Amino acid sequence: MTTKQKIWLYVSLGMFIIPEVLWSTIGNYVYELSQLGRVDVYHPFRNNFVVKLGSGSLYSSVLFIQLFGSLLATYLLFRNRSLIKNKVIFSVLMVVSLILVSISSIVFYLVAIFNPSFP
């Protein structure tokens, strides 16, 4: 891959990784889904201002940025598949990026649908 293609790939991966490291948006939502049967008091995976009840639009916008970044990374990997010499590494990267896209899209859809301000 050329330097320009690598830079765009790193930028698109950064669009997913940086919000996830800072606020654990997808990690919090998956943790909440895994705790559905419990009667304990709500304890998020990582407590922060993005996942609080009043910040639905901020939460949706951060999830959209993550979804866009993972989609862009998948597209760039697929478009430049002939430039990646090791096919095993390419296959692993594509599987990981497709998993990230599917999880991000499901969480974004659920957050958008269950948002109280959704029409």
Protein backbone atom coordinates (compact mmCIF):
# COMPACT_ATOMS: atom_id res chain seq x y z
CA MET A 1 0.00 0.00 0.00
CA THR A 2 1.15 3.51 -0.67
CA THR A 3 1.77 6.02 2.09
CA LYS A 4 -1.40 7.95 1.26
CA GLN A 5 -3.51 4.78 1.47
CA LYS A 6 -1.93 3.82 4.79
CA ILE A 7 -2.61 7.27 6.21
CA TRP A 8 -6.29 7.06 5.24
CA LEU A 9 -6.52 3.59 6.72
CA TYR A 10 -4.99 4.80 9.99
CA VAL A 11 -7.31 7.83 10.09
CA SER A 12 -10.38 5.64 9.55
CA LEU A 13 -9.23 3.18 12.23
CA GLY A 14 -8.60 6.11 14.54
CA MET A 15 -12.20 7.22 14.02
CA PHE A 16 -13.26 3.95 15.61
CA ILE A 17 -10.51 3.34 18.16
CA ILE A 18 -10.17 6.79 19.78
CA PRO A 19 -13.85 7.15 20.85
CA GLU A 20 -13.91 3.54 21.99
CA VAL A 21 -10.84 4.02 24.17
CA LEU A 22 -12.07 7.34 25.58
CA TRP A 23 -15.72 6.48 26.26
CA SER A 24 -16.25 2.73 25.60
CA THR A 25 -19.48 3.42 23.73
CA ILE A 26 -19.92 -0.01 22.19
CA GLY A 27 -18.40 -1.77 25.20
CA ASN A 28 -20.91 -0.12 27.54
CA TYR A 29 -23.87 -1.05 25.36
CA VAL A 30 -22.80 -4.69 24.98
CA TYR A 31 -22.21 -4.85 28.75
CA GLU A 32 -25.70 -3.46 29.38
CA LEU A 33 -27.22 -6.08 27.07
CA SER A 34 -25.38 -8.85 28.89
CA GLN A 35 -26.77 -7.65 32.25
CA LEU A 36 -30.46 -7.70 31.26
CA GLY A 37 -31.62 -10.42 33.67
CA ARG A 38 -29.99 -8.94 36.76
CA VAL A 39 -31.81 -6.88 39.36
CA ASP A 40 -28.69 -5.10 40.63
CA VAL A 41 -28.31 -1.36 40.52
CA TYR A 42 -27.11 -0.08 37.12
CA HIS A 43 -23.31 -0.10 36.97
CA PRO A 44 -21.90 0.71 33.51
CA PHE A 45 -18.74 -0.88 32.21
CA ARG A 46 -17.10 2.56 32.29
CA ASN A 47 -19.06 5.46 33.74
CA ASN A 48 -18.74 8.60 31.60
CA PHE A 49 -20.77 11.54 30.37
CA VAL A 50 -21.48 10.12 26.89
CA VAL A 51 -23.57 7.17 28.07
CA LYS A 52 -25.61 9.11 30.64
CA LEU A 53 -29.34 9.31 30.08
CA GLY A 54 -29.54 12.95 28.92
CA SER A 55 -26.91 12.80 26.18
CA GLY A 56 -28.64 10.66 23.55
CA SER A 57 -27.71 12.81 20.57
CA LEU A 58 -24.05 12.97 21.60
CA TYR A 59 -24.04 9.19 22.08
CA SER A 60 -25.61 8.67 18.64
CA SER A 61 -23.14 11.01 16.96
CA VAL A 62 -20.13 9.27 18.55
CA LEU A 63 -21.53 5.91 17.45
CA PHE A 64 -22.06 7.27 13.93
CA ILE A 65 -18.44 8.42 13.77
CA GLN A 66 -17.33 4.95 14.90
CA LEU A 67 -19.58 3.27 12.34
CA PHE A 68 -18.31 5.53 9.56
CA GLY A 69 -14.69 4.90 10.55
CA SER A 70 -15.11 1.12 10.58
CA LEU A 71 -16.97 1.20 7.24
CA LEU A 72 -14.24 3.34 5.69
CA ALA A 73 -11.50 1.03 7.01
CA THR A 74 -13.29 -2.01 5.59
CA TYR A 75 -13.71 -0.28 2.23
CA LEU A 76 -10.06 0.76 2.09
CA LEU A 77 -8.89 -2.75 2.99
CA PHE A 78 -11.12 -4.32 0.38
CA ARG A 79 -10.19 -1.82 -2.32
CA ASN A 80 -6.46 -2.35 -1.74
CA ARG A 81 -6.57 -6.12 -1.27
CA SER A 82 -4.22 -6.73 -4.18
CA LEU A 83 -1.53 -4.56 -2.59
CA ILE A 84 -1.42 -6.57 0.63
CA LYS A 85 1.07 -9.35 0.07
CA ASN A 86 0.22 -11.71 2.92
CA LYS A 87 -3.27 -13.11 2.30
CA VAL A 88 -3.63 -14.52 5.82
CA ILE A 89 -3.12 -11.08 7.36
CA PHE A 90 -5.57 -9.61 4.86
CA SER A 91 -8.17 -12.25 5.74
CA VAL A 92 -7.79 -11.65 9.48
CA LEU A 93 -8.03 -7.87 9.01
CA MET A 94 -11.16 -8.22 6.86
CA VAL A 95 -12.86 -10.52 9.36
CA VAL A 96 -12.07 -8.18 12.26
CA SER A 97 -13.22 -5.12 10.33
CA LEU A 98 -16.46 -6.83 9.25
CA ILE A 99 -17.16 -7.81 12.86
CA LEU A 100 -16.55 -4.20 13.93
CA VAL A 101 -18.89 -2.93 11.21
CA SER A 102 -21.65 -5.34 12.18
CA ILE A 103 -21.39 -4.63 15.92
CA SER A 104 -21.21 -0.87 15.32
CA SER A 105 -24.22 -0.88 13.02
CA ILE A 106 -26.32 -2.99 15.41
CA VAL A 107 -25.49 -0.78 18.39
CA PHE A 108 -26.09 2.41 16.37
CA TYR A 109 -29.44 1.08 15.20
CA LEU A 110 -30.53 0.11 18.72
CA VAL A 111 -29.44 3.43 20.21
CA ALA A 112 -31.22 5.36 17.45
CA ILE A 113 -34.45 3.37 17.79
CA PHE A 114 -34.61 3.43 21.59
CA ASN A 115 -33.74 7.13 21.82
CA PRO A 116 -36.64 8.96 23.53
CA SER A 117 -36.46 11.82 21.02
CA PHE A 118 -36.75 9.43 18.04
CA PRO A 119 -39.91 10.29 16.05
